[in-house]
């Protein structure tokens, strides 16, 4: 990725991709941005997926608390409220699938900014992404139904 890459513009592409997935695959009509920050709340869980271009890589993430991840996963599976909670493995699989779908939408939206992207495999995590000397984290908090979801963009920092 280019050092001049506008990561905030890419975060906007991630927000747009998530909003589309929320409306279509998740059947959630209302998606309300709540603001940006540099780290997600601690003790949240979710999925990351890597994207690689000729110039470098990014990771996209979707995180929420346990109830938020259950809401996302159950929405993907069109589950009724009366059905029991998903197991840890089912939850992880569904949230990773959502990250994969969102990454596909992001890939098409970001093509003009970063060129062709190759998607990696999503991985489920517990805890926040930690910014380092070499990587930065941008977070967009999104209100979805009764929960808040964090969209994460982990990116290389410009070295200089």
N, C-alpha and C. Protein backbone atom coordinates (compact mmCIF):
# COMPACT_ATOMS: atom_id res chain seq x y z
N UNK A 1 0.84 -1.17 0.00
CA UNK A 1 0.00 0.00 0.00
C UNK A 1 0.89 1.24 0.00
N UNK A 2 0.46 2.25 -0.63
CA UNK A 2 1.23 3.48 -0.73
C UNK A 2 1.26 4.20 0.61
N UNK A 3 2.41 4.85 0.92
CA UNK A 3 2.50 5.63 2.15
C UNK A 3 1.51 6.79 2.11
N UNK A 4 1.12 7.26 0.93
CA UNK A 4 0.19 8.37 0.82
C UNK A 4 -1.27 7.91 0.88
N UNK A 5 -1.47 6.64 1.11
CA UNK A 5 -2.82 6.08 1.15
C UNK A 5 -3.64 6.73 2.27
N UNK A 6 -4.84 7.12 1.94
CA UNK A 6 -5.74 7.75 2.91
C UNK A 6 -6.50 6.65 3.66
N UNK A 7 -6.02 6.29 4.83
CA UNK A 7 -6.64 5.21 5.60
C UNK A 7 -8.04 5.59 6.08
N UNK A 8 -8.28 6.88 6.31
CA UNK A 8 -9.63 7.31 6.71
C UNK A 8 -10.63 7.09 5.58
N UNK A 9 -10.19 7.32 4.33
CA UNK A 9 -11.06 7.05 3.19
C UNK A 9 -11.35 5.55 3.09
N UNK A 10 -10.33 4.73 3.37
CA UNK A 10 -10.55 3.28 3.36
C UNK A 10 -11.50 2.86 4.47
N UNK A 11 -11.44 3.54 5.62
CA UNK A 11 -12.38 3.24 6.70
C UNK A 11 -13.80 3.55 6.24
N UNK A 12 -13.98 4.60 5.46
CA UNK A 12 -15.29 4.92 4.89
C UNK A 12 -15.77 3.82 3.96
N UNK A 13 -14.86 3.24 3.17
CA UNK A 13 -15.22 2.12 2.30
C UNK A 13 -15.63 0.90 3.13
N UNK A 14 -14.96 0.69 4.25
CA UNK A 14 -15.31 -0.41 5.15
C UNK A 14 -16.69 -0.17 5.76
N UNK A 15 -16.97 1.05 6.16
CA UNK A 15 -18.30 1.37 6.71
C UNK A 15 -19.39 1.12 5.68
N UNK A 16 -19.15 1.53 4.46
CA UNK A 16 -20.14 1.33 3.39
C UNK A 16 -20.36 -0.16 3.12
N UNK A 17 -19.28 -0.93 3.11
CA UNK A 17 -19.40 -2.37 2.87
C UNK A 17 -20.18 -3.03 4.00
N UNK A 18 -19.91 -2.64 5.25
CA UNK A 18 -20.63 -3.23 6.38
C UNK A 18 -22.11 -2.86 6.34
N UNK A 19 -22.40 -1.61 6.01
CA UNK A 19 -23.80 -1.17 5.94
C UNK A 19 -24.56 -2.00 4.91
N UNK A 20 -23.94 -2.27 3.77
CA UNK A 20 -24.60 -3.09 2.75
C UNK A 20 -24.85 -4.51 3.26
N UNK A 21 -23.86 -5.10 3.91
CA UNK A 21 -24.02 -6.45 4.45
C UNK A 21 -25.07 -6.47 5.56
N UNK A 22 -25.10 -5.43 6.38
CA UNK A 22 -26.11 -5.36 7.44
C UNK A 22 -27.52 -5.35 6.86
N UNK A 23 -27.72 -4.60 5.78
CA UNK A 23 -29.04 -4.52 5.15
C UNK A 23 -29.41 -5.81 4.43
N UNK A 24 -28.45 -6.44 3.78
CA UNK A 24 -28.76 -7.58 2.92
C UNK A 24 -28.60 -8.90 3.67
N UNK A 25 -27.39 -9.33 3.93
CA UNK A 25 -27.14 -10.64 4.53
C UNK A 25 -27.63 -10.75 5.97
N UNK A 26 -27.61 -9.63 6.70
CA UNK A 26 -28.02 -9.67 8.11
C UNK A 26 -29.46 -9.25 8.33
N UNK A 27 -30.08 -8.64 7.33
CA UNK A 27 -31.47 -8.22 7.46
C UNK A 27 -31.69 -7.14 8.50
N UNK A 28 -30.69 -6.32 8.74
CA UNK A 28 -30.78 -5.22 9.71
C UNK A 28 -30.84 -3.90 8.94
N UNK A 29 -31.95 -3.21 9.03
CA UNK A 29 -32.12 -1.99 8.25
C UNK A 29 -31.37 -0.79 8.76
N UNK A 30 -31.31 -0.61 10.07
CA UNK A 30 -30.72 0.62 10.61
C UNK A 30 -29.28 0.41 11.02
N UNK A 31 -28.40 1.17 10.38
CA UNK A 31 -26.98 1.19 10.71
C UNK A 31 -26.64 2.65 10.97
N UNK A 32 -26.18 2.95 12.18
CA UNK A 32 -25.94 4.33 12.56
C UNK A 32 -24.49 4.53 13.03
N UNK A 33 -23.68 5.29 12.28
CA UNK A 33 -22.31 5.57 12.73
C UNK A 33 -22.31 6.30 14.06
N UNK A 34 -21.38 5.90 14.95
CA UNK A 34 -21.29 6.49 16.28
C UNK A 34 -19.97 7.24 16.51
N UNK A 35 -19.08 7.23 15.52
CA UNK A 35 -17.82 7.96 15.66
C UNK A 35 -16.62 7.07 15.44
N UNK A 36 -15.45 7.72 15.43
CA UNK A 36 -14.18 7.03 15.18
C UNK A 36 -13.29 7.14 16.41
N UNK A 37 -12.43 6.13 16.57
CA UNK A 37 -11.43 6.15 17.63
C UNK A 37 -10.24 5.30 17.21
N UNK A 38 -9.21 5.24 18.07
CA UNK A 38 -7.97 4.54 17.72
C UNK A 38 -7.88 3.12 18.26
N UNK A 39 -8.85 2.68 19.05
CA UNK A 39 -8.84 1.32 19.57
C UNK A 39 -10.27 0.91 19.90
N UNK A 40 -10.57 -0.37 19.71
CA UNK A 40 -11.90 -0.85 20.09
C UNK A 40 -11.98 -1.01 21.60
N UNK A 41 -13.17 -1.12 22.13
CA UNK A 41 -13.28 -1.37 23.57
C UNK A 41 -12.58 -2.69 23.94
N UNK A 42 -11.99 -2.75 25.14
CA UNK A 42 -11.31 -3.99 25.55
C UNK A 42 -12.33 -5.11 25.77
N UNK A 43 -11.83 -6.32 25.71
CA UNK A 43 -12.62 -7.53 25.98
C UNK A 43 -13.69 -7.81 24.93
N UNK A 44 -13.63 -7.14 23.78
CA UNK A 44 -14.53 -7.48 22.69
C UNK A 44 -13.92 -8.62 21.89
N UNK A 45 -14.73 -9.24 21.08
CA UNK A 45 -14.28 -10.34 20.24
C UNK A 45 -14.79 -10.11 18.83
N UNK A 46 -14.28 -10.88 17.89
CA UNK A 46 -14.72 -10.72 16.51
C UNK A 46 -13.81 -11.44 15.55
N UNK A 47 -13.73 -10.94 14.34
CA UNK A 47 -12.94 -11.59 13.29
C UNK A 47 -12.11 -10.56 12.54
N UNK A 48 -10.90 -10.98 12.18
CA UNK A 48 -10.03 -10.22 11.29
C UNK A 48 -9.85 -10.99 10.01
N UNK A 49 -9.64 -10.25 8.94
CA UNK A 49 -9.28 -10.87 7.66
C UNK A 49 -8.23 -9.99 7.00
N UNK A 50 -7.19 -10.62 6.49
CA UNK A 50 -6.12 -9.89 5.84
C UNK A 50 -6.43 -9.66 4.36
N UNK A 51 -5.97 -8.55 3.85
CA UNK A 51 -6.06 -8.22 2.44
C UNK A 51 -4.68 -7.80 1.98
N UNK A 52 -4.24 -8.36 0.86
CA UNK A 52 -2.89 -8.11 0.38
C UNK A 52 -2.96 -7.53 -1.03
N UNK A 53 -2.17 -6.48 -1.24
CA UNK A 53 -2.00 -5.88 -2.56
C UNK A 53 -0.52 -5.93 -2.89
N UNK A 54 -0.17 -5.55 -4.09
CA UNK A 54 1.23 -5.53 -4.49
C UNK A 54 2.09 -4.65 -3.61
N UNK A 55 1.52 -3.59 -3.05
CA UNK A 55 2.28 -2.63 -2.26
C UNK A 55 2.28 -2.92 -0.76
N UNK A 56 1.49 -3.86 -0.27
CA UNK A 56 1.45 -4.12 1.16
C UNK A 56 0.15 -4.79 1.56
N UNK A 57 -0.16 -4.67 2.85
CA UNK A 57 -1.34 -5.37 3.34
C UNK A 57 -2.10 -4.54 4.37
N UNK A 58 -3.34 -4.94 4.58
CA UNK A 58 -4.24 -4.38 5.59
C UNK A 58 -4.94 -5.54 6.26
N UNK A 59 -5.48 -5.30 7.42
CA UNK A 59 -6.41 -6.24 8.03
C UNK A 59 -7.69 -5.49 8.35
N UNK A 60 -8.82 -6.13 8.05
CA UNK A 60 -10.12 -5.60 8.42
C UNK A 60 -10.64 -6.41 9.59
N UNK A 61 -11.36 -5.77 10.47
CA UNK A 61 -11.92 -6.49 11.61
C UNK A 61 -13.33 -6.04 11.91
N UNK A 62 -14.08 -6.96 12.51
CA UNK A 62 -15.42 -6.68 13.03
C UNK A 62 -15.42 -7.19 14.45
N UNK A 63 -15.76 -6.34 15.40
CA UNK A 63 -15.73 -6.73 16.81
C UNK A 63 -16.98 -6.24 17.53
N UNK A 64 -17.36 -6.97 18.56
CA UNK A 64 -18.48 -6.58 19.43
C UNK A 64 -18.34 -7.36 20.74
N UNK A 65 -19.17 -7.02 21.70
CA UNK A 65 -19.20 -7.84 22.90
C UNK A 65 -19.89 -9.17 22.58
N UNK A 66 -19.96 -10.06 23.54
CA UNK A 66 -20.56 -11.38 23.32
C UNK A 66 -21.97 -11.28 22.75
N UNK A 67 -22.80 -10.41 23.34
CA UNK A 67 -24.17 -10.25 22.86
C UNK A 67 -24.23 -9.71 21.45
N UNK A 68 -23.33 -8.78 21.13
CA UNK A 68 -23.28 -8.23 19.79
C UNK A 68 -22.86 -9.27 18.75
N UNK A 69 -21.88 -10.10 19.12
CA UNK A 69 -21.47 -11.17 18.19
C UNK A 69 -22.60 -12.18 18.01
N UNK A 70 -23.33 -12.48 19.07
CA UNK A 70 -24.48 -13.37 18.95
C UNK A 70 -25.51 -12.76 18.00
N UNK A 71 -25.78 -11.45 18.15
CA UNK A 71 -26.75 -10.78 17.28
C UNK A 71 -26.32 -10.86 15.82
N UNK A 72 -25.03 -10.57 15.55
CA UNK A 72 -24.53 -10.64 14.18
C UNK A 72 -24.69 -12.04 13.61
N UNK A 73 -24.21 -13.03 14.35
CA UNK A 73 -24.23 -14.41 13.88
C UNK A 73 -25.66 -14.92 13.70
N UNK A 74 -26.52 -14.64 14.66
CA UNK A 74 -27.90 -15.10 14.59
C UNK A 74 -28.63 -14.42 13.43
N UNK A 75 -28.30 -13.17 13.16
CA UNK A 75 -28.90 -12.46 12.03
C UNK A 75 -28.48 -13.10 10.72
N UNK A 76 -27.20 -13.46 10.61
CA UNK A 76 -26.72 -14.12 9.40
C UNK A 76 -27.47 -15.42 9.16
N UNK A 77 -27.77 -16.13 10.23
CA UNK A 77 -28.43 -17.43 10.12
C UNK A 77 -29.96 -17.34 10.18
N UNK A 78 -30.48 -16.12 10.20
CA UNK A 78 -31.94 -15.88 10.26
C UNK A 78 -32.58 -16.65 11.42
N UNK A 79 -31.94 -16.60 12.57
CA UNK A 79 -32.44 -17.32 13.75
C UNK A 79 -33.46 -16.49 14.50
N UNK A 80 -34.44 -17.16 15.05
CA UNK A 80 -35.46 -16.52 15.88
C UNK A 80 -34.89 -16.24 17.27
N UNK A 81 -35.43 -15.21 17.93
CA UNK A 81 -34.99 -14.88 19.28
C UNK A 81 -35.21 -16.04 20.25
N UNK A 82 -36.18 -16.88 19.97
CA UNK A 82 -36.51 -17.99 20.87
C UNK A 82 -35.51 -19.14 20.78
N UNK A 83 -34.67 -19.15 19.75
CA UNK A 83 -33.70 -20.23 19.61
C UNK A 83 -32.53 -20.02 20.57
N UNK A 84 -31.90 -21.11 21.03
CA UNK A 84 -30.81 -20.99 22.01
C UNK A 84 -29.59 -20.29 21.41
N UNK A 85 -28.72 -19.73 22.28
CA UNK A 85 -27.50 -19.08 21.79
C UNK A 85 -26.63 -20.07 21.01
N UNK A 86 -25.83 -19.52 20.12
CA UNK A 86 -24.90 -20.34 19.34
C UNK A 86 -23.74 -20.79 20.23
N UNK A 87 -23.18 -21.94 19.90
CA UNK A 87 -21.98 -22.41 20.59
C UNK A 87 -20.81 -21.50 20.20
N UNK A 88 -19.71 -21.61 20.94
CA UNK A 88 -18.54 -20.79 20.63
C UNK A 88 -18.05 -21.05 19.20
N UNK A 89 -18.03 -22.31 18.78
CA UNK A 89 -17.56 -22.64 17.44
C UNK A 89 -18.50 -22.10 16.36
N UNK A 90 -19.80 -22.22 16.57
CA UNK A 90 -20.78 -21.69 15.60
C UNK A 90 -20.69 -20.17 15.52
N UNK A 91 -20.52 -19.54 16.67
CA UNK A 91 -20.40 -18.08 16.72
C UNK A 91 -19.16 -17.63 15.95
N UNK A 92 -18.03 -18.26 16.22
CA UNK A 92 -16.78 -17.89 15.54
C UNK A 92 -16.91 -18.08 14.04
N UNK A 93 -17.48 -19.20 13.62
CA UNK A 93 -17.64 -19.48 12.20
C UNK A 93 -18.52 -18.42 11.52
N UNK A 94 -19.63 -18.07 12.15
CA UNK A 94 -20.56 -17.10 11.56
C UNK A 94 -19.94 -15.70 11.50
N UNK A 95 -19.26 -15.27 12.55
CA UNK A 95 -18.66 -13.94 12.55
C UNK A 95 -17.52 -13.88 11.52
N UNK A 96 -16.76 -14.96 11.37
CA UNK A 96 -15.73 -15.01 10.34
C UNK A 96 -16.36 -14.92 8.95
N UNK A 97 -17.50 -15.57 8.76
CA UNK A 97 -18.18 -15.49 7.47
C UNK A 97 -18.65 -14.06 7.19
N UNK A 98 -19.15 -13.38 8.20
CA UNK A 98 -19.56 -11.98 8.03
C UNK A 98 -18.35 -11.13 7.64
N UNK A 99 -17.22 -11.34 8.31
CA UNK A 99 -16.00 -10.59 7.97
C UNK A 99 -15.60 -10.85 6.53
N UNK A 100 -15.74 -12.09 6.09
CA UNK A 100 -15.40 -12.44 4.71
C UNK A 100 -16.31 -11.73 3.71
N UNK A 101 -17.60 -11.68 4.00
CA UNK A 101 -18.56 -11.00 3.12
C UNK A 101 -18.26 -9.50 3.08
N UNK A 102 -18.03 -8.91 4.25
CA UNK A 102 -17.73 -7.47 4.31
C UNK A 102 -16.42 -7.18 3.55
N UNK A 103 -15.42 -8.05 3.72
CA UNK A 103 -14.14 -7.85 3.02
C UNK A 103 -14.33 -7.88 1.51
N UNK A 104 -15.22 -8.75 1.02
CA UNK A 104 -15.50 -8.78 -0.41
C UNK A 104 -16.09 -7.47 -0.89
N UNK A 105 -17.02 -6.91 -0.12
CA UNK A 105 -17.59 -5.61 -0.47
C UNK A 105 -16.56 -4.48 -0.38
N UNK A 106 -15.70 -4.56 0.62
CA UNK A 106 -14.63 -3.57 0.77
C UNK A 106 -13.68 -3.64 -0.43
N UNK A 107 -13.34 -4.86 -0.82
CA UNK A 107 -12.41 -5.08 -1.93
C UNK A 107 -12.89 -4.36 -3.19
N UNK A 108 -14.17 -4.49 -3.50
CA UNK A 108 -14.69 -3.84 -4.71
C UNK A 108 -14.74 -2.32 -4.55
N UNK A 109 -15.03 -1.84 -3.34
CA UNK A 109 -15.09 -0.39 -3.12
C UNK A 109 -13.72 0.26 -3.10
N UNK A 110 -12.71 -0.47 -2.63
CA UNK A 110 -11.37 0.11 -2.46
C UNK A 110 -10.47 -0.09 -3.67
N UNK A 111 -10.95 -0.81 -4.67
CA UNK A 111 -10.11 -1.13 -5.83
C UNK A 111 -9.50 0.12 -6.46
N UNK A 112 -10.28 1.18 -6.59
CA UNK A 112 -9.74 2.40 -7.23
C UNK A 112 -8.72 3.11 -6.34
N UNK A 113 -8.71 2.81 -5.05
CA UNK A 113 -7.76 3.46 -4.12
C UNK A 113 -6.47 2.67 -3.96
N UNK A 114 -6.57 1.33 -3.99
CA UNK A 114 -5.41 0.50 -3.67
C UNK A 114 -5.07 -0.53 -4.74
N UNK A 115 -5.87 -0.64 -5.77
CA UNK A 115 -5.64 -1.65 -6.80
C UNK A 115 -6.24 -2.99 -6.39
N UNK A 116 -5.81 -4.02 -7.06
CA UNK A 116 -6.35 -5.36 -6.80
C UNK A 116 -5.93 -5.85 -5.42
N UNK A 117 -6.86 -6.44 -4.70
CA UNK A 117 -6.61 -7.00 -3.37
C UNK A 117 -6.89 -8.49 -3.38
N UNK A 118 -6.10 -9.23 -2.64
CA UNK A 118 -6.33 -10.65 -2.43
C UNK A 118 -6.75 -10.85 -0.98
N UNK A 119 -7.85 -11.58 -0.79
CA UNK A 119 -8.34 -11.83 0.56
C UNK A 119 -7.63 -13.01 1.19
N UNK A 120 -7.34 -12.89 2.47
CA UNK A 120 -6.82 -14.01 3.24
C UNK A 120 -7.96 -14.77 3.89
N UNK A 121 -7.64 -15.57 4.87
CA UNK A 121 -8.65 -16.32 5.62
C UNK A 121 -9.01 -15.56 6.89
N UNK A 122 -10.29 -15.49 7.23
CA UNK A 122 -10.65 -14.81 8.47
C UNK A 122 -10.25 -15.63 9.69
N UNK A 123 -9.96 -14.95 10.77
CA UNK A 123 -9.60 -15.60 12.03
C UNK A 123 -10.39 -14.93 13.15
N UNK A 124 -10.90 -15.73 14.08
CA UNK A 124 -11.67 -15.20 15.21
C UNK A 124 -10.71 -14.83 16.33
N UNK A 125 -11.02 -13.78 17.08
CA UNK A 125 -10.14 -13.30 18.14
C UNK A 125 -10.94 -12.87 19.36
N UNK A 126 -10.25 -12.79 20.48
CA UNK A 126 -10.77 -12.20 21.72
C UNK A 126 -9.81 -11.08 22.10
N UNK A 127 -10.32 -9.88 22.36
CA UNK A 127 -9.47 -8.77 22.75
C UNK A 127 -9.21 -7.81 21.60
N UNK A 128 -8.73 -6.61 21.93
CA UNK A 128 -8.57 -5.57 20.91
C UNK A 128 -7.28 -5.70 20.10
N UNK A 129 -7.30 -5.10 18.92
CA UNK A 129 -6.09 -4.96 18.13
C UNK A 129 -5.20 -3.93 18.81
N UNK A 130 -3.93 -4.19 18.88
CA UNK A 130 -2.99 -3.31 19.53
C UNK A 130 -2.16 -2.59 18.48
N UNK A 131 -2.23 -1.26 18.46
CA UNK A 131 -1.37 -0.48 17.57
C UNK A 131 0.08 -0.63 18.04
N UNK A 132 0.99 -0.59 17.08
CA UNK A 132 2.42 -0.68 17.39
C UNK A 132 3.15 0.45 16.68
N UNK A 133 4.46 0.42 16.79
CA UNK A 133 5.28 1.39 16.08
C UNK A 133 5.09 1.28 14.57
N UNK A 134 4.79 0.07 14.09
CA UNK A 134 4.70 -0.18 12.65
C UNK A 134 3.27 -0.29 12.13
N UNK A 135 2.30 -0.46 13.01
CA UNK A 135 0.90 -0.58 12.57
C UNK A 135 0.01 0.37 13.36
N UNK A 136 -0.98 0.89 12.64
CA UNK A 136 -1.98 1.74 13.26
C UNK A 136 -3.33 1.04 13.19
N UNK A 137 -4.24 1.48 14.03
CA UNK A 137 -5.59 0.92 14.05
C UNK A 137 -6.58 2.08 14.00
N UNK A 138 -7.50 2.02 13.05
CA UNK A 138 -8.62 2.95 12.99
C UNK A 138 -9.88 2.17 13.29
N UNK A 139 -10.75 2.75 14.09
CA UNK A 139 -11.97 2.07 14.52
C UNK A 139 -13.17 2.96 14.23
N UNK A 140 -14.18 2.37 13.65
CA UNK A 140 -15.47 3.03 13.45
C UNK A 140 -16.51 2.29 14.28
N UNK A 141 -17.13 2.99 15.20
CA UNK A 141 -18.20 2.38 16.00
C UNK A 141 -19.53 2.58 15.26
N UNK A 142 -20.26 1.50 15.14
CA UNK A 142 -21.52 1.48 14.39
C UNK A 142 -22.62 0.94 15.30
N UNK A 143 -23.72 1.62 15.36
CA UNK A 143 -24.89 1.12 16.09
C UNK A 143 -25.70 0.27 15.11
N UNK A 144 -25.97 -0.97 15.50
CA UNK A 144 -26.72 -1.92 14.68
C UNK A 144 -27.75 -2.57 15.60
N UNK A 145 -29.02 -2.30 15.33
CA UNK A 145 -30.11 -2.82 16.16
C UNK A 145 -29.83 -2.43 17.62
N UNK A 146 -29.72 -3.40 18.50
CA UNK A 146 -29.56 -3.12 19.93
C UNK A 146 -28.11 -3.19 20.39
N UNK A 147 -27.16 -3.19 19.47
CA UNK A 147 -25.76 -3.36 19.87
C UNK A 147 -24.85 -2.37 19.14
N UNK A 148 -23.62 -2.30 19.61
CA UNK A 148 -22.59 -1.50 18.94
C UNK A 148 -21.55 -2.45 18.39
N UNK A 149 -21.15 -2.20 17.16
CA UNK A 149 -20.15 -3.00 16.46
C UNK A 149 -18.97 -2.09 16.15
N UNK A 150 -17.76 -2.62 16.30
CA UNK A 150 -16.55 -1.88 15.92
C UNK A 150 -16.04 -2.44 14.60
N UNK A 151 -15.85 -1.57 13.63
CA UNK A 151 -15.18 -1.94 12.38
C UNK A 151 -13.75 -1.47 12.51
N UNK A 152 -12.80 -2.36 12.24
CA UNK A 152 -11.40 -2.05 12.45
C UNK A 152 -10.62 -2.10 11.15
N UNK A 153 -9.73 -1.17 10.98
CA UNK A 153 -8.80 -1.14 9.84
C UNK A 153 -7.39 -1.09 10.45
N UNK A 154 -6.67 -2.19 10.34
CA UNK A 154 -5.28 -2.26 10.82
C UNK A 154 -4.39 -2.03 9.61
N UNK A 155 -3.53 -1.03 9.70
CA UNK A 155 -2.76 -0.59 8.53
C UNK A 155 -1.32 -0.32 8.90
N UNK A 156 -0.42 -0.40 7.91
CA UNK A 156 0.97 -0.04 8.19
C UNK A 156 1.09 1.45 8.40
N UNK A 157 1.93 1.83 9.34
CA UNK A 157 2.22 3.26 9.54
C UNK A 157 3.26 3.69 8.52
N UNK A 158 3.15 4.92 8.07
CA UNK A 158 4.17 5.47 7.17
C UNK A 158 5.49 5.57 7.94
N UNK A 159 6.53 5.04 7.37
CA UNK A 159 7.86 5.10 8.00
C UNK A 159 8.60 6.31 7.46
N UNK A 160 9.21 7.02 8.36
CA UNK A 160 9.92 8.18 7.85
C UNK A 160 10.73 8.89 8.82
